[in-house]
Amino acid sequence: MSKILVVGGAGYIGSHMVKQLSKSGRIVVVLDNLTTGFRDAARNGQLVIGDLADTALLERLFKEHEFSGVMHFAAASLVGESVQDPGKYYRNNVSNTLNLLDVMVRHCVKHFIFSSTAATFGEPEYVPIDEQHPQRPINPYGASKLMVERILQDYHAAHGLNSVCLRYFNASGADPEGELGECHDPETHLIPLILRAASERREYITVFGRDYPTEDGTCVRDYIHIEDLCSAHALALDALVKGDKQGALAYNLGNGQGYSVQQVINAVERVVAKDGRTLKVEEGRRRAGDPAILVADSRLIRYDLGWEPQYGDLECIISHAWAWEKGNE
């Protein structure tokens, strides 16, 4: 039975990944410093509280466990914060990742799945965005992720480390079984913010700009259900472990269909109306750096790994998130 190290496995994406790996029969060790993750969210794995900056801890972990692969979700990920405090992002997202990769090399662990981001592309030159799109990040968060992508190419050439980077757009939704969901502090993602307004945990939702060159004037984004995102990670890991794929690979990950802010609000209103809830919407100005449209072209991962999203319907994504929100009011 294989054993997987999931770094950041107590966070939103990591905890769903840990549950999915555990259900597939794998033994999972979670490394998380709990600065943004939650102890209870890591219930499906063996939790080790610690940080990638602690190289002594990493050495002990790799001596105690024979890992067949590593998944890395422990990045700082707030774009605005990365502009204000770039050092935090380069230390955590780049330097700490180097610590992990070096320990993997010393212990001959050759399979690595990296949580990357659409922010490596910067302002889109065309949509949908495929893997050939130029990568010109416009903030330290995106730049830090792109640095790791390039490091992984060099580590494959020098050390034979095989990796898959998954660049995803808007992770969303919640565990269909209701065990796990999205909980950030501060919360910056659109769907949970709207749902908090519906549950009266916040007064209203703000639409930042209605003058974009889109059908209804609001920004368009690609929302991928957290379960579909995790299934792509699992397929990538299997491909590396089985030897079907080698190298430093990268795939874009999304539903391939964009929804505007207004369409998301409309869908939330339909879902929450079943519980007699309504939304208050306020108007705001455009935010600097918000592209009009961000949509992924995910044909490559579908072709290479056979990935197919199971929860592509927007109302399904919102319904799972709403069930989680209601359970945590």
Protein backbone atom coordinates (compact mmCIF):
# COMPACT_ATOMS: atom_id res chain seq x y z
CA MET A 1 0.00 0.00 0.00
CA SER A 2 1.53 3.32 -1.09
CA LYS A 3 2.16 6.18 1.30
CA ILE A 4 1.79 9.79 0.19
CA LEU A 5 3.00 12.98 1.87
CA VAL A 6 0.53 15.84 1.43
CA VAL A 7 2.01 19.19 2.42
CA GLY A 8 -0.72 21.66 3.31
CA GLY A 9 -3.19 18.82 3.76
CA ALA A 10 -5.21 20.67 6.42
CA GLY A 11 -6.23 23.45 4.04
CA TYR A 12 -9.17 23.70 1.67
CA ILE A 13 -7.75 21.89 -1.35
CA GLY A 14 -5.30 19.72 0.59
CA SER A 15 -7.91 18.30 2.95
CA HIS A 16 -10.17 17.25 0.08
CA MET A 17 -7.13 15.65 -1.58
CA VAL A 18 -6.26 13.76 1.60
CA LYS A 19 -9.78 12.39 1.86
CA GLN A 20 -9.78 11.28 -1.77
CA LEU A 21 -6.38 9.58 -1.42
CA SER A 22 -7.47 7.85 1.78
CA LYS A 23 -10.67 6.57 0.16
CA SER A 24 -8.57 5.11 -2.66
CA GLY A 25 -6.64 3.01 -0.15
CA ARG A 26 -3.49 5.06 0.23
CA ILE A 27 -1.85 5.89 3.55
CA VAL A 28 -1.55 9.66 3.88
CA VAL A 29 0.80 11.71 6.05
CA VAL A 30 -0.18 15.39 6.31
CA LEU A 31 2.39 18.09 7.02
CA ASP A 32 0.78 21.42 7.88
CA ASN A 33 1.71 24.35 10.12
CA LEU A 34 -2.02 25.17 10.64
CA THR A 35 -1.56 28.88 9.92
CA THR A 36 -4.42 28.71 7.41
CA GLY A 37 -5.42 25.05 7.72
CA PHE A 38 -7.50 23.34 10.39
CA ARG A 39 -6.56 20.34 12.49
CA ASP A 40 -9.99 18.75 12.08
CA ALA A 41 -9.80 19.05 8.28
CA ALA A 42 -6.85 16.64 8.24
CA ARG A 43 -8.85 13.88 9.92
CA ASN A 44 -8.32 11.50 7.00
CA GLY A 45 -4.54 11.42 7.36
CA GLN A 46 -1.79 11.28 9.97
CA LEU A 47 -1.19 14.93 10.89
CA VAL A 48 2.31 16.23 11.56
CA ILE A 49 2.34 19.87 12.63
CA GLY A 50 5.33 21.60 11.12
CA ASP A 51 6.73 23.81 8.41
CA LEU A 52 8.75 23.29 5.24
CA ALA A 53 11.29 25.74 6.65
CA ASP A 54 12.17 23.09 9.25
CA THR A 55 14.61 20.94 7.28
CA ALA A 56 15.38 18.78 10.32
CA LEU A 57 11.70 17.85 10.56
CA LEU A 58 11.61 17.04 6.85
CA GLU A 59 14.63 14.74 7.24
CA ARG A 60 12.96 12.90 10.12
CA LEU A 61 9.74 12.48 8.14
CA PHE A 62 11.50 11.01 5.13
CA LYS A 63 13.56 8.69 7.32
CA GLU A 64 10.48 7.44 9.18
CA HIS A 65 8.26 6.95 6.12
CA GLU A 66 8.83 5.45 2.71
CA PHE A 67 6.86 7.86 0.54
CA SER A 68 5.95 6.90 -3.00
CA GLY A 69 4.99 10.47 -3.83
CA VAL A 70 4.57 14.00 -2.51
CA MET A 71 1.78 16.52 -3.13
CA HIS A 72 2.41 20.17 -2.30
CA PHE A 73 -0.46 22.56 -1.45
CA ALA A 74 1.26 24.70 1.19
CA ALA A 75 1.65 27.99 -0.67
CA ALA A 76 0.70 31.48 0.43
CA SER A 77 -1.86 32.49 -2.17
CA LEU A 78 -3.28 36.00 -1.66
CA VAL A 79 -2.43 38.13 -4.67
CA GLY A 80 -2.82 41.47 -2.89
CA GLU A 81 -0.73 40.36 0.05
CA SER A 82 1.98 39.13 -2.30
CA VAL A 83 2.28 42.66 -3.71
CA GLN A 84 2.51 44.16 -0.22
CA ASP A 85 4.85 41.50 1.21
CA PRO A 86 6.71 39.80 -1.65
CA GLY A 87 9.40 38.42 0.64
CA LYS A 88 6.86 36.21 2.39
CA TYR A 89 5.86 34.71 -0.94
CA TYR A 90 9.37 34.05 -2.20
CA ARG A 91 10.44 32.54 1.14
CA ASN A 92 7.39 30.33 1.59
CA ASN A 93 6.54 29.45 -2.00
CA VAL A 94 10.06 29.15 -3.41
CA SER A 95 12.68 28.71 -0.69
CA ASN A 96 10.58 26.33 1.39
CA THR A 97 9.68 24.31 -1.69
CA LEU A 98 13.39 23.97 -2.43
CA ASN A 99 13.84 22.52 1.07
CA LEU A 100 11.23 19.89 0.26
CA LEU A 101 12.66 19.06 -3.16
CA ASP A 102 16.19 18.68 -1.79
CA VAL A 103 15.01 16.24 0.89
CA MET A 104 13.09 14.30 -1.75
CA VAL A 105 16.24 14.03 -3.88
CA ARG A 106 18.34 12.87 -0.91
CA HIS A 107 15.78 10.17 -0.11
CA CYS A 108 15.21 9.13 -3.74
CA VAL A 109 11.51 10.07 -3.80
CA LYS A 110 10.91 10.75 -7.49
CA HIS A 111 7.23 11.68 -7.83
CA PHE A 112 5.99 15.21 -7.09
CA ILE A 113 2.62 16.89 -7.73
CA PHE A 114 2.67 20.68 -7.50
CA SER A 115 -0.32 22.95 -6.99
CA SER A 116 0.33 25.78 -9.45
CA THR A 117 -1.96 28.53 -10.67
CA ALA A 118 -3.36 30.42 -13.64
CA ALA A 119 -1.61 33.47 -12.12
CA THR A 120 1.58 32.31 -13.85
CA PHE A 121 0.07 33.53 -17.14
CA GLY A 122 -0.60 37.14 -16.12
CA GLU A 123 -2.89 39.17 -18.37
CA PRO A 124 -4.35 36.78 -20.95
CA GLU A 125 -3.41 37.32 -24.58
CA TYR A 126 -6.21 34.97 -25.65
CA VAL A 127 -8.85 32.74 -24.10
CA PRO A 128 -9.35 29.97 -23.39
CA ILE A 129 -5.81 29.75 -22.01
CA ASP A 130 -3.87 26.66 -23.08
CA GLU A 131 -0.45 25.38 -22.02
CA GLN A 132 1.27 27.27 -24.86
CA HIS A 133 0.08 30.64 -23.59
CA PRO A 134 3.00 32.90 -22.57
CA GLN A 135 3.70 32.95 -18.84
CA ARG A 136 4.18 36.54 -17.70
CA PRO A 137 2.95 36.82 -14.10
CA ILE A 138 2.03 40.30 -12.90
CA ASN A 139 2.33 39.73 -9.15
CA PRO A 140 4.76 38.01 -6.77
CA TYR A 141 2.30 35.17 -6.10
CA GLY A 142 2.21 34.16 -9.76
CA ALA A 143 5.94 34.77 -10.11
CA SER A 144 6.73 32.51 -7.14
CA LYS A 145 4.71 29.67 -8.65
CA LEU A 146 6.36 30.09 -12.04
CA MET A 147 9.79 29.97 -10.37
CA VAL A 148 8.93 26.57 -8.90
CA GLU A 149 7.70 25.33 -12.29
CA ARG A 150 11.08 26.23 -13.77
CA ILE A 151 12.96 24.72 -10.82
CA LEU A 152 11.11 21.45 -11.41
CA GLN A 153 12.35 21.34 -14.99
CA ASP A 154 15.93 21.68 -13.73
CA TYR A 155 15.43 19.07 -10.98
CA HIS A 156 14.19 16.60 -13.54
CA ALA A 157 17.22 17.22 -15.74
CA ALA A 158 19.68 17.04 -12.83
CA HIS A 159 18.09 14.51 -10.48
CA GLY A 160 15.46 12.58 -12.42
CA LEU A 161 12.66 14.07 -10.32
CA ASN A 162 9.37 13.59 -12.17
CA SER A 163 6.66 16.16 -11.54
CA VAL A 164 3.29 17.42 -12.67
CA CYS A 165 2.25 21.05 -12.18
CA LEU A 166 -1.49 21.66 -12.24
CA ARG A 167 -2.42 25.25 -13.03
CA TYR A 168 -5.98 25.81 -11.97
CA PHE A 169 -8.29 28.70 -12.13
CA ASN A 170 -11.07 28.99 -9.50
CA ALA A 171 -11.30 26.02 -7.14
CA SER A 172 -14.82 25.94 -5.73
CA GLY A 173 -17.54 23.82 -4.14
CA ALA A 174 -17.33 21.44 -1.22
CA ASP A 175 -17.21 17.77 -0.35
CA PRO A 176 -20.48 16.23 -1.66
CA GLU A 177 -20.66 14.21 1.56
CA GLY A 178 -20.61 17.42 3.61
CA GLU A 179 -17.51 16.57 5.61
CA LEU A 180 -15.23 19.29 4.23
CA GLY A 181 -15.64 22.72 2.70
CA GLU A 182 -14.07 26.09 2.00
CA CYS A 183 -13.08 28.22 4.98
CA HIS A 184 -10.51 30.99 4.57
CA ASP A 185 -9.67 33.92 6.80
CA PRO A 186 -9.84 36.34 5.14
CA GLU A 187 -12.18 34.87 2.54
CA THR A 188 -11.46 36.21 -0.95
CA HIS A 189 -13.24 33.72 -3.24
CA LEU A 190 -16.45 34.77 -4.94
CA ILE A 191 -18.78 31.83 -4.30
CA PRO A 192 -18.21 31.53 -0.51
CA LEU A 193 -18.46 35.34 -0.20
CA ILE A 194 -21.85 35.32 -1.94
CA LEU A 195 -23.01 32.40 0.20
CA ARG A 196 -21.99 34.24 3.36
CA ALA A 197 -24.19 37.11 2.22
CA ALA A 198 -27.04 34.64 1.70
CA SER A 199 -26.55 33.20 5.19
CA GLU A 200 -26.27 36.73 6.65
CA ARG A 201 -22.72 36.16 7.85
CA ARG A 202 -21.94 39.28 5.82
CA GLU A 203 -24.28 42.14 4.94
CA TYR A 204 -23.99 42.09 1.15
CA ILE A 205 -21.92 41.04 -1.84
CA THR A 206 -20.14 43.66 -3.94
CA VAL A 207 -19.90 43.51 -7.73
CA PHE A 208 -16.63 45.19 -8.68
CA GLY A 209 -17.37 46.72 -12.05
CA ARG A 210 -20.07 46.25 -14.68
CA ASP A 211 -18.24 47.79 -17.62
CA TYR A 212 -16.02 44.89 -18.72
CA PRO A 213 -16.14 43.73 -22.37
CA THR A 214 -18.28 40.69 -21.51
CA GLU A 215 -21.89 39.81 -22.26
CA ASP A 216 -23.26 41.33 -19.05
CA GLY A 217 -20.35 43.63 -18.18
CA THR A 218 -19.03 41.60 -15.24
CA CYS A 219 -15.84 39.53 -15.07
CA VAL A 220 -15.91 35.95 -16.35
CA ARG A 221 -14.10 33.12 -14.55
CA ASP A 222 -13.72 29.33 -14.85
CA TYR A 223 -14.94 27.47 -11.75
CA ILE A 224 -13.76 23.92 -11.11
CA HIS A 225 -15.30 21.72 -8.42
CA ILE A 226 -12.87 20.76 -5.69
CA GLU A 227 -13.58 17.05 -6.24
CA ASP A 228 -12.76 17.31 -9.94
CA LEU A 229 -9.60 19.22 -9.13
CA CYS A 230 -8.50 16.50 -6.71
CA SER A 231 -9.28 13.73 -9.17
CA ALA A 232 -6.90 15.41 -11.64
CA HIS A 233 -4.17 15.40 -8.99
CA ALA A 234 -4.80 11.72 -8.30
CA LEU A 235 -4.59 10.86 -11.99
CA ALA A 236 -1.34 12.81 -12.29
CA LEU A 237 0.17 10.98 -9.32
CA ASP A 238 -0.88 7.59 -10.70
CA ALA A 239 0.67 8.42 -14.07
CA LEU A 240 4.02 9.23 -12.42
CA VAL A 241 4.04 6.28 -10.01
CA LYS A 242 3.14 3.79 -12.75
CA GLY A 243 5.79 5.24 -15.04
CA ASP A 244 3.27 6.28 -17.69
CA LYS A 245 4.57 9.85 -17.57
CA GLN A 246 8.04 11.20 -16.92
CA GLY A 247 9.57 14.66 -16.97
CA ALA A 248 8.46 18.03 -15.64
CA LEU A 249 4.91 18.24 -16.96
CA ALA A 250 2.28 20.95 -16.65
CA TYR A 251 -1.45 21.00 -17.32
CA ASN A 252 -4.11 23.70 -17.19
CA LEU A 253 -7.12 22.70 -15.17
CA GLY A 254 -10.63 24.11 -15.43
CA ASN A 255 -14.09 23.32 -16.72
CA GLY A 256 -13.37 25.16 -19.95
CA GLN A 257 -16.53 27.20 -19.50
CA GLY A 258 -16.64 30.69 -18.06
CA TYR A 259 -19.33 32.18 -15.85
CA SER A 260 -19.69 35.88 -15.17
CA VAL A 261 -19.98 37.34 -11.69
CA GLN A 262 -23.62 38.12 -12.42
CA GLN A 263 -24.28 34.55 -13.60
CA VAL A 264 -22.78 33.23 -10.37
CA ILE A 265 -24.96 35.58 -8.33
CA ASN A 266 -28.04 34.48 -10.29
CA ALA A 267 -27.20 30.82 -9.73
CA VAL A 268 -26.68 31.37 -6.00
CA GLU A 269 -30.03 33.15 -5.78
CA ARG A 270 -31.75 30.15 -7.37
CA VAL A 271 -30.06 27.71 -4.98
CA VAL A 272 -30.63 29.65 -1.75
CA ALA A 273 -34.21 30.60 -2.66
CA LYS A 274 -35.14 26.98 -1.90
CA ASP A 275 -34.32 27.80 1.73
CA GLY A 276 -36.11 31.12 1.68
CA ARG A 277 -32.89 33.15 1.53
CA THR A 278 -32.17 36.27 -0.51
CA LEU A 279 -29.11 38.33 -1.42
CA LYS A 280 -28.26 41.99 -1.08
CA VAL A 281 -25.97 43.16 -3.89
CA GLU A 282 -23.94 46.38 -3.84
CA GLU A 283 -22.13 48.02 -6.75
CA GLY A 284 -18.42 48.77 -6.64
CA ARG A 285 -15.71 50.10 -8.91
CA ARG A 286 -13.37 47.90 -10.92
CA ARG A 287 -10.43 46.48 -9.02
CA ALA A 288 -6.98 47.03 -10.48
CA GLY A 289 -5.56 43.95 -12.19
CA ASP A 290 -8.83 42.08 -12.73
CA PRO A 291 -8.79 40.62 -16.29
CA ALA A 292 -12.17 40.59 -18.01
CA ILE A 293 -12.07 36.86 -18.86
CA LEU A 294 -10.06 33.95 -17.47
CA VAL A 295 -11.03 30.55 -18.85
CA ALA A 296 -8.90 27.41 -19.09
CA ASP A 297 -8.31 25.18 -22.07
CA SER A 298 -8.04 21.76 -20.38
CA ARG A 299 -7.98 19.57 -23.47
CA LEU A 300 -4.39 18.43 -22.87
CA ILE A 301 -5.02 16.84 -19.47
CA ARG A 302 -8.20 15.24 -20.80
CA TYR A 303 -6.21 13.70 -23.66
CA ASP A 304 -3.06 12.77 -21.71
CA LEU A 305 -4.55 11.55 -18.42
CA GLY A 306 -8.18 10.84 -19.31
CA TRP A 307 -9.47 13.42 -16.84
CA GLU A 308 -13.16 14.30 -17.07
CA PRO A 309 -14.90 16.65 -14.61
CA GLN A 310 -17.92 15.10 -12.90
CA TYR A 311 -19.34 18.26 -11.34
CA GLY A 312 -19.19 20.80 -14.15
CA ASP A 313 -22.65 22.30 -13.60
CA LEU A 314 -22.42 25.65 -11.77
CA GLU A 315 -25.54 25.08 -9.66
CA CYS A 316 -24.16 21.70 -8.55
CA ILE A 317 -20.93 23.38 -7.44
CA ILE A 318 -22.90 26.04 -5.56
CA SER A 319 -25.32 23.53 -4.02
CA HIS A 320 -22.45 21.57 -2.44
CA ALA A 321 -20.89 24.79 -1.17
CA TRP A 322 -24.25 25.98 0.19
CA ALA A 323 -24.82 22.73 2.05
CA TRP A 324 -21.41 23.23 3.71
CA GLU A 325 -22.20 26.89 4.48
CA LYS A 326 -25.52 26.01 6.11
CA GLY A 327 -23.85 23.36 8.23
CA ASN A 328 -21.39 25.95 9.55
CA GLU A 329 -23.67 28.95 10.15
